[in-house]
Amino acid sequence: MKTLAGCTLLIAILVASPLRAAPVTYAFDTVTAVEMSGTHPSVYGLAKDTLANLAVGFVDNTNISYRYVVSRCVPLFVTAMEKPGRYFLYVTVDAAQSNVQLISCRLEIKS
């Protein structure tokens, strides 16, 4: 009886827990615009390899003291935009996060 109750509890927990999406990394060949409006900044440009239009937005519900990732990524966004053709920009976003969805950013020199 205890085993049945334990299995029932485990199934109930698994069904009730939300599925979390994994963070997604977007790769830009070219950055054409950066919008830092309110709590929903966005980066626009062309996707690496396909050159399709790419827009990546993320939530930033923090105050200025806690915007570490966003503050560190802005110079990379600007560098990628100012020097088109020189860098790839990678932006990782986790939509499951409620305060800051931007996880990381990286510039890579095109070879």
PDB file of N, CA and C in Angstrom:
ATOM      1  N   MET A   1       0.815  -1.192   0.000  1.00  0.00           N
ATOM      2  CA  MET A   1       0.000   0.000   0.000  1.00  0.00           C
ATOM      3  C   MET A   1       0.866   1.267   0.000  1.00  0.00           C
ATOM      4  N   LYS A   2       1.967   1.211   0.784  1.00  0.00           N
ATOM      5  CA  LYS A   2       2.852   2.379   0.832  1.00  0.00           C
ATOM      6  C   LYS A   2       3.477   2.649  -0.532  1.00  0.00           C
ATOM      7  N   THR A   3       3.813   1.590  -1.260  1.00  0.00           N
ATOM      8  CA  THR A   3       4.418   1.761  -2.574  1.00  0.00           C
ATOM      9  C   THR A   3       3.439   2.419  -3.539  1.00  0.00           C
ATOM     10  N   LEU A   4       2.189   2.015  -3.505  1.00  0.00           N
ATOM     11  CA  LEU A   4       1.172   2.611  -4.360  1.00  0.00           C
ATOM     12  C   LEU A   4       0.975   4.079  -4.024  1.00  0.00           C
ATOM     13  N   ALA A   5       0.939   4.409  -2.738  1.00  0.00           N
ATOM     14  CA  ALA A   5       0.777   5.807  -2.314  1.00  0.00           C
ATOM     15  C   ALA A   5       1.988   6.631  -2.737  1.00  0.00           C
ATOM     16  N   GLY A   6       3.179   6.046  -2.626  1.00  0.00           N
ATOM     17  CA  GLY A   6       4.395   6.752  -3.035  1.00  0.00           C
ATOM     18  C   GLY A   6       4.419   7.011  -4.528  1.00  0.00           C
ATOM     19  N   CYS A   7       4.021   6.023  -5.321  1.00  0.00           N
ATOM     20  CA  CYS A   7       3.975   6.193  -6.777  1.00  0.00           C
ATOM     21  C   CYS A   7       2.935   7.226  -7.176  1.00  0.00           C
ATOM     22  N   THR A   8       1.787   7.203  -6.493  1.00  0.00           N
ATOM     23  CA  THR A   8       0.732   8.179  -6.784  1.00  0.00           C
ATOM     24  C   THR A   8       1.214   9.589  -6.473  1.00  0.00           C
ATOM     25  N   LEU A   9       1.914   9.762  -5.359  1.00  0.00           N
ATOM     26  CA  LEU A   9       2.446  11.075  -4.989  1.00  0.00           C
ATOM     27  C   LEU A   9       3.483  11.541  -6.012  1.00  0.00           C
ATOM     28  N   LEU A  10       4.369  10.644  -6.431  1.00  0.00           N
ATOM     29  CA  LEU A  10       5.389  10.996  -7.409  1.00  0.00           C
ATOM     30  C   LEU A  10       4.758  11.413  -8.732  1.00  0.00           C
ATOM     31  N   ILE A  11       3.773  10.698  -9.190  1.00  0.00           N
ATOM     32  CA  ILE A  11       3.084  11.053 -10.435  1.00  0.00           C
ATOM     33  C   ILE A  11       2.392  12.401 -10.289  1.00  0.00           C
ATOM     34  N   ALA A  12       1.765  12.654  -9.153  1.00  0.00           N
ATOM     35  CA  ALA A  12       1.087  13.931  -8.922  1.00  0.00           C
ATOM     36  C   ALA A  12       2.077  15.088  -8.953  1.00  0.00           C
ATOM     37  N   ILE A  13       3.248  14.886  -8.383  1.00  0.00           N
ATOM     38  CA  ILE A  13       4.267  15.952  -8.382  1.00  0.00           C
ATOM     39  C   ILE A  13       4.766  16.211  -9.800  1.00  0.00           C
ATOM     40  N   LEU A  14       5.031  15.140 -10.544  1.00  0.00           N
ATOM     41  CA  LEU A  14       5.523  15.305 -11.912  1.00  0.00           C
ATOM     42  C   LEU A  14       4.502  15.976 -12.809  1.00  0.00           C
ATOM     43  N   VAL A  15       3.231  15.643 -12.655  1.00  0.00           N
ATOM     44  CA  VAL A  15       2.191  16.244 -13.481  1.00  0.00           C
ATOM     45  C   VAL A  15       1.981  17.699 -13.107  1.00  0.00           C
ATOM     46  N   ALA A  16       2.074  18.021 -11.831  1.00  0.00           N
ATOM     47  CA  ALA A  16       1.826  19.385 -11.374  1.00  0.00           C
ATOM     48  C   ALA A  16       2.990  20.327 -11.662  1.00  0.00           C
ATOM     49  N   SER A  17       4.207  19.808 -11.794  1.00  0.00           N
ATOM     50  CA  SER A  17       5.354  20.695 -11.995  1.00  0.00           C
ATOM     51  C   SER A  17       5.398  21.158 -13.443  1.00  0.00           C
ATOM     52  N   PRO A  18       5.622  22.459 -13.657  1.00  0.00           N
ATOM     53  CA  PRO A  18       5.671  22.981 -15.024  1.00  0.00           C
ATOM     54  C   PRO A  18       6.926  22.503 -15.739  1.00  0.00           C
ATOM     55  N   LEU A  19       6.814  22.293 -17.016  1.00  0.00           N
ATOM     56  CA  LEU A  19       7.976  21.933 -17.813  1.00  0.00           C
ATOM     57  C   LEU A  19       8.773  23.193 -18.096  1.00  0.00           C
ATOM     58  N   ARG A  20      10.054  23.132 -17.880  1.00  0.00           N
ATOM     59  CA  ARG A  20      10.909  24.297 -18.104  1.00  0.00           C
ATOM     60  C   ARG A  20      11.609  24.168 -19.445  1.00  0.00           C
ATOM     61  N   ALA A  21      11.538  25.214 -20.196  1.00  0.00           N
ATOM     62  CA  ALA A  21      12.247  25.245 -21.471  1.00  0.00           C
ATOM     63  C   ALA A  21      13.719  25.544 -21.207  1.00  0.00           C
ATOM     64  N   ALA A  22      14.558  24.988 -21.998  1.00  0.00           N
ATOM     65  CA  ALA A  22      15.994  25.240 -21.874  1.00  0.00           C
ATOM     66  C   ALA A  22      16.315  26.608 -22.456  1.00  0.00           C
ATOM     67  N   PRO A  23      17.366  27.244 -21.962  1.00  0.00           N
ATOM     68  CA  PRO A  23      17.792  28.508 -22.572  1.00  0.00           C
ATOM     69  C   PRO A  23      18.111  28.314 -24.055  1.00  0.00           C
ATOM     70  N   VAL A  24      17.876  29.363 -24.837  1.00  0.00           N
ATOM     71  CA  VAL A  24      18.101  29.320 -26.284  1.00  0.00           C
ATOM     72  C   VAL A  24      19.179  30.338 -26.640  1.00  0.00           C
ATOM     73  N   THR A  25      20.137  29.926 -27.457  1.00  0.00           N
ATOM     74  CA  THR A  25      21.184  30.835 -27.927  1.00  0.00           C
ATOM     75  C   THR A  25      20.875  31.228 -29.369  1.00  0.00           C
ATOM     76  N   TYR A  26      20.820  32.534 -29.597  1.00  0.00           N
ATOM     77  CA  TYR A  26      20.574  33.092 -30.924  1.00  0.00           C
ATOM     78  C   TYR A  26      21.898  33.615 -31.460  1.00  0.00           C
ATOM     79  N   ALA A  27      22.183  33.338 -32.720  1.00  0.00           N
ATOM     80  CA  ALA A  27      23.437  33.761 -33.339  1.00  0.00           C
ATOM     81  C   ALA A  27      23.149  34.801 -34.419  1.00  0.00           C
ATOM     82  N   PHE A  28      23.752  35.971 -34.260  1.00  0.00           N
ATOM     83  CA  PHE A  28      23.603  37.058 -35.223  1.00  0.00           C
ATOM     84  C   PHE A  28      24.824  37.140 -36.119  1.00  0.00           C
ATOM     85  N   ASP A  29      24.601  37.252 -37.421  1.00  0.00           N
ATOM     86  CA  ASP A  29      25.664  37.570 -38.363  1.00  0.00           C
ATOM     87  C   ASP A  29      25.894  39.072 -38.356  1.00  0.00           C
ATOM     88  N   THR A  30      24.791  39.824 -38.306  1.00  0.00           N
ATOM     89  CA  THR A  30      24.822  41.278 -38.317  1.00  0.00           C
ATOM     90  C   THR A  30      23.775  41.804 -37.348  1.00  0.00           C
ATOM     91  N   VAL A  31      24.131  42.814 -36.579  1.00  0.00           N
ATOM     92  CA  VAL A  31      23.171  43.491 -35.694  1.00  0.00           C
ATOM     93  C   VAL A  31      22.788  44.798 -36.358  1.00  0.00           C
ATOM     94  N   THR A  32      21.484  44.994 -36.558  1.00  0.00           N
ATOM     95  CA  THR A  32      21.018  46.200 -37.238  1.00  0.00           C
ATOM     96  C   THR A  32      20.386  47.210 -36.296  1.00  0.00           C
ATOM     97  N   ALA A  33      19.939  46.767 -35.118  1.00  0.00           N
ATOM     98  CA  ALA A  33      19.320  47.690 -34.165  1.00  0.00           C
ATOM     99  C   ALA A  33      19.322  47.077 -32.773  1.00  0.00           C
ATOM    100  N   VAL A  34      19.366  47.958 -31.787  1.00  0.00           N
ATOM    101  CA  VAL A  34      19.245  47.566 -30.380  1.00  0.00           C
ATOM    102  C   VAL A  34      18.237  48.504 -29.762  1.00  0.00           C
ATOM    103  N   GLU A  35      17.240  47.955 -29.107  1.00  0.00           N
ATOM    104  CA  GLU A  35      16.208  48.768 -28.459  1.00  0.00           C
ATOM    105  C   GLU A  35      16.221  48.468 -26.972  1.00  0.00           C
ATOM    106  N   MET A  36      16.508  49.463 -26.172  1.00  0.00           N
ATOM    107  CA  MET A  36      16.567  49.296 -24.720  1.00  0.00           C
ATOM    108  C   MET A  36      15.390  50.027 -24.082  1.00  0.00           C
ATOM    109  N   SER A  37      14.186  49.586 -24.420  1.00  0.00           N
ATOM    110  CA  SER A  37      12.992  50.276 -23.922  1.00  0.00           C
ATOM    111  C   SER A  37      12.411  49.570 -22.706  1.00  0.00           C
ATOM    112  N   GLY A  38      12.212  50.309 -21.660  1.00  0.00           N
ATOM    113  CA  GLY A  38      11.549  49.804 -20.466  1.00  0.00           C
ATOM    114  C   GLY A  38      12.074  48.471 -19.990  1.00  0.00           C
ATOM    115  N   THR A  39      11.153  47.546 -19.804  1.00  0.00           N
ATOM    116  CA  THR A  39      11.506  46.233 -19.270  1.00  0.00           C
ATOM    117  C   THR A  39      11.591  45.156 -20.345  1.00  0.00           C
ATOM    118  N   HIS A  40      11.569  45.545 -21.627  1.00  0.00           N
ATOM    119  CA  HIS A  40      11.613  44.575 -22.719  1.00  0.00           C
ATOM    120  C   HIS A  40      12.622  44.983 -23.804  1.00  0.00           C
ATOM    121  N   PRO A  41      13.924  44.927 -23.500  1.00  0.00           N
ATOM    122  CA  PRO A  41      14.932  45.245 -24.512  1.00  0.00           C
ATOM    123  C   PRO A  41      14.904  44.228 -25.655  1.00  0.00           C
ATOM    124  N   SER A  42      15.398  44.638 -26.813  1.00  0.00           N
ATOM    125  CA  SER A  42      15.443  43.754 -27.988  1.00  0.00           C
ATOM    126  C   SER A  42      16.691  44.016 -28.814  1.00  0.00           C
ATOM    127  N   VAL A  43      17.135  42.973 -29.506  1.00  0.00           N
ATOM    128  CA  VAL A  43      18.247  43.065 -30.442  1.00  0.00           C
ATOM    129  C   VAL A  43      17.713  42.565 -31.786  1.00  0.00           C
ATOM    130  N   TYR A  44      18.035  43.306 -32.861  1.00  0.00           N
ATOM    131  CA  TYR A  44      17.540  42.973 -34.196  1.00  0.00           C
ATOM    132  C   TYR A  44      18.721  42.811 -35.144  1.00  0.00           C
ATOM    133  N   GLY A  45      18.548  41.961 -36.127  1.00  0.00           N
ATOM    134  CA  GLY A  45      19.600  41.797 -37.118  1.00  0.00           C
ATOM    135  C   GLY A  45      19.335  40.641 -38.036  1.00  0.00           C
ATOM    136  N   LEU A  46      20.438  40.075 -38.548  1.00  0.00           N
ATOM    137  CA  LEU A  46      20.379  38.950 -39.474  1.00  0.00           C
ATOM    138  C   LEU A  46      21.005  37.735 -38.816  1.00  0.00           C
ATOM    139  N   ALA A  47      20.347  36.592 -38.952  1.00  0.00           N
ATOM    140  CA  ALA A  47      20.815  35.354 -38.333  1.00  0.00           C
ATOM    141  C   ALA A  47      22.083  34.845 -39.005  1.00  0.00           C
ATOM    142  N   LYS A  48      22.959  34.284 -38.201  1.00  0.00           N
ATOM    143  CA  LYS A  48      24.182  33.665 -38.711  1.00  0.00           C
ATOM    144  C   LYS A  48      23.802  32.491 -39.616  1.00  0.00           C
ATOM    145  N   ASP A  49      24.513  32.315 -40.685  1.00  0.00           N
ATOM    146  CA  ASP A  49      24.358  31.233 -41.671  1.00  0.00           C
ATOM    147  C   ASP A  49      23.184  31.440 -42.623  1.00  0.00           C
ATOM    148  N   THR A  50      21.993  31.830 -42.126  1.00  0.00           N
ATOM    149  CA  THR A  50      20.830  31.945 -43.011  1.00  0.00           C
ATOM    150  C   THR A  50      20.569  33.371 -43.479  1.00  0.00           C
ATOM    151  N   LEU A  51      21.063  34.345 -42.745  1.00  0.00           N
ATOM    152  CA  LEU A  51      20.821  35.770 -42.994  1.00  0.00           C
ATOM    153  C   LEU A  51      19.333  36.124 -42.964  1.00  0.00           C
ATOM    154  N   ALA A  52      18.532  35.304 -42.304  1.00  0.00           N
ATOM    155  CA  ALA A  52      17.114  35.612 -42.106  1.00  0.00           C
ATOM    156  C   ALA A  52      16.993  36.698 -41.046  1.00  0.00           C
ATOM    157  N   ASN A  53      15.929  37.488 -41.115  1.00  0.00           N
ATOM    158  CA  ASN A  53      15.690  38.503 -40.082  1.00  0.00           C
ATOM    159  C   ASN A  53      15.558  37.818 -38.736  1.00  0.00           C
ATOM    160  N   LEU A  54      16.172  38.418 -37.728  1.00  0.00           N
ATOM    161  CA  LEU A  54      16.164  37.852 -36.386  1.00  0.00           C
ATOM    162  C   LEU A  54      15.910  38.960 -35.384  1.00  0.00           C
ATOM    163  N   ALA A  55      14.923  38.768 -34.533  1.00  0.00           N
ATOM    164  CA  ALA A  55      14.624  39.706 -33.448  1.00  0.00           C
ATOM    165  C   ALA A  55      14.583  38.917 -32.153  1.00  0.00           C
ATOM    166  N   VAL A  56      15.389  39.329 -31.188  1.00  0.00           N
ATOM    167  CA  VAL A  56      15.440  38.653 -29.901  1.00  0.00           C
ATOM    168  C   VAL A  56      15.095  39.667 -28.825  1.00  0.00           C
ATOM    169  N   GLY A  57      13.995  39.425 -28.143  1.00  0.00           N
ATOM    170  CA  GLY A  57      13.590  40.272 -27.027  1.00  0.00           C
ATOM    171  C   GLY A  57      13.698  39.486 -25.737  1.00  0.00           C
ATOM    172  N   PHE A  58      13.831  40.202 -24.649  1.00  0.00           N
ATOM    173  CA  PHE A  58      13.921  39.533 -23.348  1.00  0.00           C
ATOM    174  C   PHE A  58      13.373  40.461 -22.276  1.00  0.00           C
ATOM    175  N   VAL A  59      12.945  39.877 -21.184  1.00  0.00           N
ATOM    176  CA  VAL A  59      12.400  40.631 -20.063  1.00  0.00           C
ATOM    177  C   VAL A  59      13.539  41.057 -19.151  1.00  0.00           C
ATOM    178  N   ASP A  60      13.472  42.281 -18.676  1.00  0.00           N
ATOM    179  CA  ASP A  60      14.422  42.798 -17.684  1.00  0.00           C
ATOM    180  C   ASP A  60      13.611  43.567 -16.642  1.00  0.00           C
ATOM    181  N   ASN A  61      13.164  42.853 -15.616  1.00  0.00           N
ATOM    182  CA  ASN A  61      12.337  43.452 -14.560  1.00  0.00           C
ATOM    183  C   ASN A  61      13.150  43.799 -13.324  1.00  0.00           C
ATOM    184  N   THR A  62      14.417  44.101 -13.489  1.00  0.00           N
ATOM    185  CA  THR A  62      15.262  44.410 -12.339  1.00  0.00           C
ATOM    186  C   THR A  62      15.473  45.909 -12.232  1.00  0.00           C
ATOM    187  N   ASN A  63      15.966  46.315 -11.072  1.00  0.00           N
ATOM    188  CA  ASN A  63      16.342  47.722 -10.954  1.00  0.00           C
ATOM    189  C   ASN A  63      17.797  47.851 -11.419  1.00  0.00           C
ATOM    190  N   ILE A  64      18.260  49.026 -11.521  1.00  0.00           N
ATOM    191  CA  ILE A  64      19.574  49.305 -12.103  1.00  0.00           C
ATOM    192  C   ILE A  64      20.711  48.597 -11.365  1.00  0.00           C
ATOM    193  N   SER A  65      20.557  48.341 -10.077  1.00  0.00           N
ATOM    194  CA  SER A  65      21.608  47.696  -9.292  1.00  0.00           C
ATOM    195  C   SER A  65      21.813  46.232  -9.632  1.00  0.00           C
ATOM    196  N   TYR A  66      20.826  45.585 -10.242  1.00  0.00           N
ATOM    197  CA  TYR A  66      20.904  44.150 -10.489  1.00  0.00           C
ATOM    198  C   TYR A  66      20.951  43.792 -11.969  1.00  0.00           C
ATOM    199  N   ARG A  67      21.277  44.706 -12.821  1.00  0.00           N
ATOM    200  CA  ARG A  67      21.309  44.461 -14.269  1.00  0.00           C
ATOM    201  C   ARG A  67      22.698  44.072 -14.742  1.00  0.00           C
ATOM    202  N   TYR A  68      23.350  43.166 -14.045  1.00  0.00           N
ATOM    203  CA  TYR A  68      24.722  42.806 -14.377  1.00  0.00           C
ATOM    204  C   TYR A  68      24.858  42.304 -15.810  1.00  0.00           C
ATOM    205  N   VAL A  69      24.078  41.290 -16.163  1.00  0.00           N
ATOM    206  CA  VAL A  69      24.220  40.696 -17.494  1.00  0.00           C
ATOM    207  C   VAL A  69      23.843  41.702 -18.567  1.00  0.00           C
ATOM    208  N   VAL A  70      22.727  42.394 -18.387  1.00  0.00           N
ATOM    209  CA  VAL A  70      22.277  43.361 -19.384  1.00  0.00           C
ATOM    210  C   VAL A  70      23.323  44.461 -19.546  1.00  0.00           C
ATOM    211  N   SER A  71      23.824  44.991 -18.443  1.00  0.00           N
ATOM    212  CA  SER A  71      24.828  46.058 -18.504  1.00  0.00           C
ATOM    213  C   SER A  71      26.106  45.604 -19.188  1.00  0.00           C
ATOM    214  N   ARG A  72      26.484  44.369 -18.974  1.00  0.00           N
ATOM    215  CA  ARG A  72      27.711  43.855 -19.594  1.00  0.00           C
ATOM    216  C   ARG A  72      27.519  43.528 -21.060  1.00  0.00           C
ATOM    217  N   CYS A  73      26.289  43.210 -21.463  1.00  0.00           N
ATOM    218  CA  CYS A  73      26.036  42.836 -22.858  1.00  0.00           C
ATOM    219  C   CYS A  73      25.839  44.048 -23.770  1.00  0.00           C
ATOM    220  N   VAL A  74      25.378  45.160 -23.243  1.00  0.00           N
ATOM    221  CA  VAL A  74      25.115  46.334 -24.083  1.00  0.00           C
ATOM    222  C   VAL A  74      26.347  46.741 -24.887  1.00  0.00           C
ATOM    223  N   PRO A  75      27.552  46.816 -24.304  1.00  0.00           N
ATOM    224  CA  PRO A  75      28.716  47.166 -25.131  1.00  0.00           C
ATOM    225  C   PRO A  75      28.977  46.164 -26.259  1.00  0.00           C
ATOM    226  N   LEU A  76      28.676  44.898 -26.038  1.00  0.00           N
ATOM    227  CA  LEU A  76      28.849  43.905 -27.097  1.00  0.00           C
ATOM    228  C   LEU A  76      27.829  44.116 -28.208  1.00  0.00           C
ATOM    229  N   PHE A  77      26.584  44.460 -27.827  1.00  0.00           N
ATOM    230  CA  PHE A  77      25.559  44.763 -28.834  1.00  0.00           C
ATOM    231  C   PHE A  77      26.016  45.929 -29.712  1.00  0.00           C
ATOM    232  N   VAL A  78      26.504  46.971 -29.058  1.00  0.00           N
ATOM    233  CA  VAL A  78      26.916  48.180 -29.778  1.00  0.00           C
ATOM    234  C   VAL A  78      28.127  47.888 -30.671  1.00  0.00           C
ATOM    235  N   THR A  79      29.098  47.151 -30.163  1.00  0.00           N
ATOM    236  CA  THR A  79      30.277  46.799 -30.964  1.00  0.00           C
ATOM    237  C   THR A  79      29.883  46.016 -32.201  1.00  0.00           C
ATOM    238  N   ALA A  80      28.987  45.038 -32.025  1.00  0.00           N
ATOM    239  CA  ALA A  80      28.539  44.239 -33.171  1.00  0.00           C
ATOM    240  C   ALA A  80      27.815  45.111 -34.193  1.00  0.00           C
ATOM    241  N   MET A  81      27.076  46.106 -33.723  1.00  0.00           N
ATOM    242  CA  MET A  81      26.333  46.978 -34.627  1.00  0.00           C
ATOM    243  C   MET A  81      27.267  47.977 -35.324  1.00  0.00           C
ATOM    244  N   GLU A  82      28.259  48.478 -34.613  1.00  0.00           N
ATOM    245  CA  GLU A  82      29.173  49.477 -35.179  1.00  0.00           C
ATOM    246  C   GLU A  82      30.166  48.879 -36.181  1.00  0.00           C
ATOM    247  N   LYS A  83      30.437  47.584 -36.066  1.00  0.00           N
ATOM    248  CA  LYS A  83      31.422  46.945 -36.946  1.00  0.00           C
ATOM    249  C   LYS A  83      30.786  45.758 -37.671  1.00  0.00           C
ATOM    250  N   PRO A  84      29.809  46.047 -38.560  1.00  0.00           N
ATOM    251  CA  PRO A  84      29.158  44.947 -39.277  1.00  0.00           C
ATOM    252  C   PRO A  84      30.163  44.176 -40.130  1.00  0.00           C
ATOM    253  N   GLY A  85      30.014  42.878 -40.163  1.00  0.00           N
ATOM    254  CA  GLY A  85      30.914  42.045 -40.938  1.00  0.00           C
ATOM    255  C   GLY A  85      32.148  41.583 -40.189  1.00  0.00           C
ATOM    256  N   ARG A  86      32.366  42.080 -38.996  1.00  0.00           N
ATOM    257  CA  ARG A  86      33.568  41.719 -38.255  1.00  0.00           C
ATOM    258  C   ARG A  86      33.320  40.653 -37.188  1.00  0.00           C
ATOM    259  N   TYR A  87      32.130  40.654 -36.575  1.00  0.00           N
ATOM    260  CA  TYR A  87      31.841  39.756 -35.457  1.00  0.00           C
ATOM    261  C   TYR A  87      30.537  38.984 -35.656  1.00  0.00           C
ATOM    262  N   PHE A  88      30.459  37.819 -35.002  1.00  0.00           N
ATOM    263  CA  PHE A  88      29.192  37.144 -34.756  1.00  0.00           C
ATOM    264  C   PHE A  88      28.816  37.490 -33.321  1.00  0.00           C
ATOM    265  N   LEU A  89      27.539  37.737 -33.080  1.00  0.00           N
ATOM    266  CA  LEU A  89      27.050  37.994 -31.726  1.00  0.00           C
ATOM    267  C   LEU A  89      26.147  36.842 -31.329  1.00  0.00           C
ATOM    268  N   TYR A  90      26.393  36.273 -30.156  1.00  0.00           N
ATOM    269  CA  TYR A  90      25.565  35.207 -29.607  1.00  0.00           C
ATOM    270  C   TYR A  90      24.853  35.734 -28.365  1.00  0.00           C
ATOM    271  N   VAL A  91      23.542  35.551 -28.331  1.00  0.00           N
ATOM    272  CA  VAL A  91      22.723  36.017 -27.214  1.00  0.00           C
ATOM    273  C   VAL A  91      21.939  34.818 -26.684  1.00  0.00           C
ATOM    274  N   THR A  92      22.094  34.523 -25.390  1.00  0.00           N
ATOM    275  CA  THR A  92      21.374  33.408 -24.778  1.00  0.00           C
ATOM    276  C   THR A  92      20.277  33.949 -23.876  1.00  0.00           C
ATOM    277  N   VAL A  93      19.047  33.461 -24.116  1.00  0.00           N
ATOM    278  CA  VAL A  93      17.863  33.918 -23.397  1.00  0.00           C
ATOM    279  C   VAL A  93      17.153  32.713 -22.798  1.00  0.00           C
ATOM    280  N   ASP A  94      16.700  32.872 -21.559  1.00  0.00           N
ATOM    281  CA  ASP A  94      15.909  31.834 -20.887  1.00  0.00           C
ATOM    282  C   ASP A  94      14.528  32.398 -20.603  1.00  0.00           C
ATOM    283  N   ALA A  95      13.560  32.023 -21.423  1.00  0.00           N
ATOM    284  CA  ALA A  95      12.197  32.556 -21.307  1.00  0.00           C
ATOM    285  C   ALA A  95      11.508  32.141 -20.014  1.00  0.00           C
ATOM    286  N   ALA A  96      12.028  31.128 -19.340  1.00  0.00           N
ATOM    287  CA  ALA A  96      11.416  30.665 -18.090  1.00  0.00           C
ATOM    288  C   ALA A  96      11.761  31.591 -16.910  1.00  0.00           C
ATOM    289  N   GLN A  97      12.751  32.432 -17.064  1.00  0.00           N
ATOM    290  CA  GLN A  97      13.129  33.350 -15.988  1.00  0.00           C
ATOM    291  C   GLN A  97      12.151  34.515 -15.941  1.00  0.00           C
ATOM    292  N   SER A  98      11.806  34.960 -14.763  1.00  0.00           N
ATOM    293  CA  SER A  98      10.817  36.039 -14.660  1.00  0.00           C
ATOM    294  C   SER A  98      11.441  37.419 -14.491  1.00  0.00           C
ATOM    295  N   ASN A  99      12.638  37.518 -13.923  1.00  0.00           N
ATOM    296  CA  ASN A  99      13.239  38.834 -13.694  1.00  0.00           C
ATOM    297  C   ASN A  99      14.153  39.270 -14.829  1.00  0.00           C
ATOM    298  N   VAL A 100      15.154  38.482 -15.140  1.00  0.00           N
ATOM    299  CA  VAL A 100      16.075  38.798 -16.233  1.00  0.00           C
ATOM    300  C   VAL A 100      16.205  37.559 -17.102  1.00  0.00           C
ATOM    301  N   GLN A 101      15.718  37.637 -18.339  1.00  0.00           N
ATOM    302  CA  GLN A 101      15.767  36.480 -19.228  1.00  0.00           C
ATOM    303  C   GLN A 101      17.075  36.390 -20.007  1.00  0.00           C
ATOM    304  N   LEU A 102      17.823  37.481 -20.079  1.00  0.00           N
ATOM    305  CA  LEU A 102      19.114  37.465 -20.766  1.00  0.00           C
ATOM    306  C   LEU A 102      20.115  36.734 -19.877  1.00  0.00           C
ATOM    307  N   ILE A 103      20.667  35.635 -20.376  1.00  0.00           N
ATOM    308  CA  ILE A 103      21.590  34.819 -19.595  1.00  0.00           C
ATOM    309  C   ILE A 103      23.037  35.173 -19.897  1.00  0.00           C
ATOM    310  N   SER A 104      23.348  35.342 -21.189  1.00  0.00           N
ATOM    311  CA  SER A 104      24.724  35.660 -21.555  1.00  0.00           C
ATOM    312  C   SER A 104      24.782  36.210 -22.970  1.00  0.00           C
ATOM    313  N   CYS A 105      25.938  36.757 -23.308  1.00  0.00           N
ATOM    314  CA  CYS A 105      26.196  37.249 -24.657  1.00  0.00           C
ATOM    315  C   CYS A 105      27.672  37.040 -24.952  1.00  0.00           C
ATOM    316  N   ARG A 106      27.985  36.931 -26.246  1.00  0.00           N
ATOM    317  CA  ARG A 106      29.380  36.663 -26.625  1.00  0.00           C
ATOM    318  C   ARG A 106      29.629  37.203 -28.022  1.00  0.00           C
ATOM    319  N   LEU A 107      30.790  37.798 -28.230  1.00  0.00           N
ATOM    320  CA  LEU A 107      31.250  38.200 -29.559  1.00  0.00           C
ATOM    321  C   LEU A 107      32.305  37.213 -30.033  1.00  0.00           C
ATOM    322  N   GLU A 108      32.243  36.902 -31.332  1.00  0.00           N
ATOM    323  CA  GLU A 108      33.236  36.024 -31.919  1.00  0.00           C
ATOM    324  C   GLU A 108      33.730  36.670 -33.214  1.00  0.00           C
ATOM    325  N   ILE A 109      35.031  36.747 -33.376  1.00  0.00           N
ATOM    326  CA  ILE A 109      35.591  37.325 -34.593  1.00  0.00           C
ATOM    327  C   ILE A 109      35.307  36.387 -35.753  1.00  0.00           C
ATOM    328  N   LYS A 110      34.805  36.955 -36.861  1.00  0.00           N
ATOM    329  CA  LYS A 110      34.566  36.149 -38.057  1.00  0.00           C
ATOM    330  C   LYS A 110      35.915  35.822 -38.682  1.00  0.00           C
ATOM    331  N   SER A 111      36.035  34.592 -39.162  1.00  0.00           N
ATOM    332  CA  SER A 111      37.315  34.218 -39.779  1.00  0.00           C
ATOM    333  C   SER A 111      37.150  34.033 -41.265  1.00  0.00           C
TER     334      SER A 111
END
